[in-house]
Amino acid sequence: MLKEKVAEVLEKVRPMLQRDGGDVELVDVQEDGVVKVRLTGACAGCPMSTMTLKNAIEDTIKKEVPGIKSVEQV
């Protein structure tokens, strides 16, 4: 259930990433509230990817899915 909610939220941020030639892939949602994602395309090698991960992806997920503590890139 939690994984589906996180996937729905990622669909909301995905268009912003795709505009710049990147994307995000959901890898796992752990029981301790840690979400694992993989940035792909232009996002994979972008020097701003850490900011994108924390400021766009993590903030959005944490606001919309209770119980999520952090988002980590794998």
N, C-alpha and C. Protein backbone atom coordinates (compact mmCIF):
# COMPACT_ATOMS: atom_id res chain seq x y z
N MET A 1 0.82 -1.19 0.00
CA MET A 1 0.00 0.00 0.00
C MET A 1 0.87 1.26 0.00
N LEU A 2 1.88 1.29 0.85
CA LEU A 2 2.77 2.44 0.94
C LEU A 2 3.53 2.64 -0.37
N LYS A 3 3.97 1.53 -0.97
CA LYS A 3 4.72 1.61 -2.22
C LYS A 3 3.86 2.21 -3.34
N GLU A 4 2.57 1.85 -3.36
CA GLU A 4 1.67 2.40 -4.38
C GLU A 4 1.48 3.90 -4.20
N LYS A 5 1.38 4.35 -2.94
CA LYS A 5 1.22 5.79 -2.68
C LYS A 5 2.46 6.56 -3.12
N VAL A 6 3.62 6.02 -2.82
CA VAL A 6 4.86 6.67 -3.23
C VAL A 6 4.94 6.72 -4.76
N ALA A 7 4.57 5.64 -5.42
CA ALA A 7 4.59 5.60 -6.89
C ALA A 7 3.67 6.66 -7.48
N GLU A 8 2.52 6.87 -6.86
CA GLU A 8 1.59 7.91 -7.33
C GLU A 8 2.20 9.29 -7.21
N VAL A 9 2.88 9.55 -6.12
CA VAL A 9 3.53 10.86 -5.93
C VAL A 9 4.66 11.05 -6.94
N LEU A 10 5.41 10.00 -7.21
CA LEU A 10 6.48 10.10 -8.21
C LEU A 10 5.93 10.47 -9.58
N GLU A 11 4.72 10.01 -9.88
CA GLU A 11 4.10 10.37 -11.16
C GLU A 11 3.86 11.88 -11.25
N LYS A 12 3.69 12.53 -10.11
CA LYS A 12 3.48 13.99 -10.10
C LYS A 12 4.76 14.76 -10.36
N VAL A 13 5.91 14.24 -9.89
CA VAL A 13 7.18 14.96 -10.09
C VAL A 13 7.88 14.54 -11.38
N ARG A 14 7.50 13.40 -11.92
CA ARG A 14 8.15 12.87 -13.13
C ARG A 14 8.15 13.85 -14.31
N PRO A 15 7.03 14.55 -14.63
CA PRO A 15 7.07 15.47 -15.78
C PRO A 15 8.13 16.56 -15.66
N MET A 16 8.39 17.04 -14.44
CA MET A 16 9.42 18.06 -14.23
C MET A 16 10.80 17.49 -14.60
N LEU A 17 11.05 16.25 -14.20
CA LEU A 17 12.33 15.61 -14.51
C LEU A 17 12.45 15.32 -16.00
N GLN A 18 11.38 14.87 -16.60
CA GLN A 18 11.40 14.51 -18.02
C GLN A 18 11.60 15.74 -18.91
N ARG A 19 11.14 16.89 -18.47
CA ARG A 19 11.36 18.13 -19.23
C ARG A 19 12.85 18.39 -19.46
N ASP A 20 13.65 17.97 -18.48
CA ASP A 20 15.10 18.18 -18.57
C ASP A 20 15.84 16.93 -19.05
N GLY A 21 15.11 15.94 -19.53
CA GLY A 21 15.74 14.75 -20.09
C GLY A 21 16.06 13.66 -19.07
N GLY A 22 15.50 13.77 -17.88
CA GLY A 22 15.75 12.77 -16.84
C GLY A 22 14.49 12.04 -16.45
N ASP A 23 14.62 11.19 -15.45
CA ASP A 23 13.47 10.45 -14.94
C ASP A 23 13.84 9.87 -13.57
N VAL A 24 12.86 9.30 -12.91
CA VAL A 24 13.09 8.67 -11.62
C VAL A 24 12.39 7.31 -11.61
N GLU A 25 13.05 6.34 -11.02
CA GLU A 25 12.52 4.97 -10.95
C GLU A 25 12.43 4.57 -9.48
N LEU A 26 11.28 4.09 -9.05
CA LEU A 26 11.10 3.62 -7.69
C LEU A 26 11.73 2.25 -7.55
N VAL A 27 12.67 2.10 -6.61
CA VAL A 27 13.36 0.84 -6.40
C VAL A 27 12.73 0.08 -5.24
N ASP A 28 12.50 0.78 -4.11
CA ASP A 28 11.98 0.10 -2.94
C ASP A 28 11.42 1.11 -1.94
N VAL A 29 10.47 0.66 -1.15
CA VAL A 29 9.99 1.42 0.00
C VAL A 29 10.15 0.49 1.20
N GLN A 30 11.05 0.86 2.09
CA GLN A 30 11.35 0.01 3.24
C GLN A 30 10.38 0.27 4.39
N GLU A 31 10.26 -0.72 5.26
CA GLU A 31 9.33 -0.62 6.39
C GLU A 31 9.68 0.51 7.34
N ASP A 32 10.96 0.92 7.37
CA ASP A 32 11.39 1.99 8.27
C ASP A 32 11.13 3.38 7.70
N GLY A 33 10.45 3.45 6.53
CA GLY A 33 10.08 4.74 5.94
C GLY A 33 11.12 5.33 5.01
N VAL A 34 12.07 4.52 4.58
CA VAL A 34 13.10 4.98 3.64
C VAL A 34 12.71 4.54 2.23
N VAL A 35 12.67 5.50 1.32
CA VAL A 35 12.35 5.24 -0.08
C VAL A 35 13.65 5.21 -0.87
N LYS A 36 13.82 4.20 -1.69
CA LYS A 36 15.00 4.07 -2.55
C LYS A 36 14.58 4.34 -3.99
N VAL A 37 15.26 5.28 -4.64
CA VAL A 37 14.96 5.61 -6.03
C VAL A 37 16.24 5.59 -6.85
N ARG A 38 16.06 5.47 -8.15
CA ARG A 38 17.17 5.55 -9.09
C ARG A 38 16.86 6.68 -10.06
N LEU A 39 17.76 7.65 -10.13
CA LEU A 39 17.61 8.72 -11.11
C LEU A 39 18.21 8.25 -12.42
N THR A 40 17.52 8.49 -13.52
CA THR A 40 17.97 8.01 -14.83
C THR A 40 18.03 9.15 -15.82
N GLY A 41 18.56 8.86 -16.99
CA GLY A 41 18.67 9.86 -18.04
C GLY A 41 19.60 10.98 -17.62
N ALA A 42 19.24 12.20 -17.95
CA ALA A 42 20.08 13.36 -17.64
C ALA A 42 20.26 13.54 -16.13
N CYS A 43 19.31 13.08 -15.35
CA CYS A 43 19.40 13.22 -13.88
C CYS A 43 20.51 12.36 -13.29
N ALA A 44 20.85 11.26 -13.94
CA ALA A 44 21.83 10.33 -13.40
C ALA A 44 23.21 10.96 -13.25
N GLY A 45 23.59 11.82 -14.16
CA GLY A 45 24.92 12.41 -14.09
C GLY A 45 24.91 13.90 -13.78
N CYS A 46 23.77 14.43 -13.45
CA CYS A 46 23.64 15.87 -13.24
C CYS A 46 24.23 16.28 -11.89
N PRO A 47 25.02 17.35 -11.87
CA PRO A 47 25.58 17.82 -10.60
C PRO A 47 24.50 18.35 -9.64
N MET A 48 23.34 18.65 -10.15
CA MET A 48 22.24 19.16 -9.31
C MET A 48 21.32 18.04 -8.83
N SER A 49 21.66 16.79 -9.12
CA SER A 49 20.75 15.68 -8.81
C SER A 49 20.47 15.53 -7.31
N THR A 50 21.44 15.83 -6.47
CA THR A 50 21.21 15.74 -5.02
C THR A 50 20.17 16.76 -4.59
N MET A 51 20.25 17.96 -5.14
CA MET A 51 19.26 18.99 -4.82
C MET A 51 17.88 18.59 -5.33
N THR A 52 17.83 18.06 -6.53
CA THR A 52 16.56 17.59 -7.09
C THR A 52 15.98 16.50 -6.22
N LEU A 53 16.81 15.57 -5.79
CA LEU A 53 16.36 14.46 -4.97
C LEU A 53 15.77 14.95 -3.66
N LYS A 54 16.45 15.84 -2.98
CA LYS A 54 16.00 16.30 -1.66
C LYS A 54 14.89 17.35 -1.76
N ASN A 55 15.08 18.36 -2.61
CA ASN A 55 14.15 19.49 -2.66
C ASN A 55 12.87 19.22 -3.44
N ALA A 56 12.93 18.39 -4.43
CA ALA A 56 11.74 18.13 -5.24
C ALA A 56 11.11 16.78 -4.88
N ILE A 57 11.88 15.74 -4.99
CA ILE A 57 11.33 14.39 -4.82
C ILE A 57 11.03 14.09 -3.35
N GLU A 58 12.04 14.22 -2.48
CA GLU A 58 11.84 13.88 -1.07
C GLU A 58 10.78 14.77 -0.41
N ASP A 59 10.86 16.07 -0.62
CA ASP A 59 9.89 16.98 0.01
C ASP A 59 8.47 16.66 -0.41
N THR A 60 8.27 16.38 -1.69
CA THR A 60 6.92 16.07 -2.19
C THR A 60 6.40 14.77 -1.59
N ILE A 61 7.24 13.75 -1.57
CA ILE A 61 6.82 12.45 -1.03
C ILE A 61 6.50 12.59 0.46
N LYS A 62 7.36 13.26 1.22
CA LYS A 62 7.15 13.39 2.66
C LYS A 62 5.87 14.16 2.98
N LYS A 63 5.53 15.15 2.15
CA LYS A 63 4.30 15.92 2.37
C LYS A 63 3.05 15.08 2.10
N GLU A 64 3.13 14.21 1.11
CA GLU A 64 1.93 13.51 0.66
C GLU A 64 1.78 12.08 1.19
N VAL A 65 2.86 11.50 1.70
CA VAL A 65 2.78 10.12 2.20
C VAL A 65 3.28 10.08 3.64
N PRO A 66 2.35 10.01 4.61
CA PRO A 66 2.76 9.95 6.01
C PRO A 66 3.62 8.71 6.29
N GLY A 67 4.62 8.88 7.12
CA GLY A 67 5.46 7.77 7.50
C GLY A 67 6.77 7.66 6.74
N ILE A 68 6.92 8.46 5.68
CA ILE A 68 8.16 8.44 4.93
C ILE A 68 9.17 9.37 5.62
N LYS A 69 10.35 8.81 5.91
CA LYS A 69 11.37 9.57 6.63
C LYS A 69 12.40 10.20 5.70
N SER A 70 12.76 9.46 4.64
CA SER A 70 13.77 9.99 3.73
C SER A 70 13.69 9.28 2.38
N VAL A 71 14.34 9.91 1.40
CA VAL A 71 14.45 9.33 0.06
C VAL A 71 15.95 9.27 -0.26
N GLU A 72 16.40 8.09 -0.67
CA GLU A 72 17.81 7.90 -0.98
C GLU A 72 17.98 7.42 -2.41
N GLN A 73 19.06 7.86 -3.01
CA GLN A 73 19.38 7.44 -4.37
C GLN A 73 20.24 6.19 -4.32
N VAL A 74 19.94 5.23 -5.19
CA VAL A 74 20.74 4.00 -5.27
C VAL A 74 21.38 3.88 -6.64
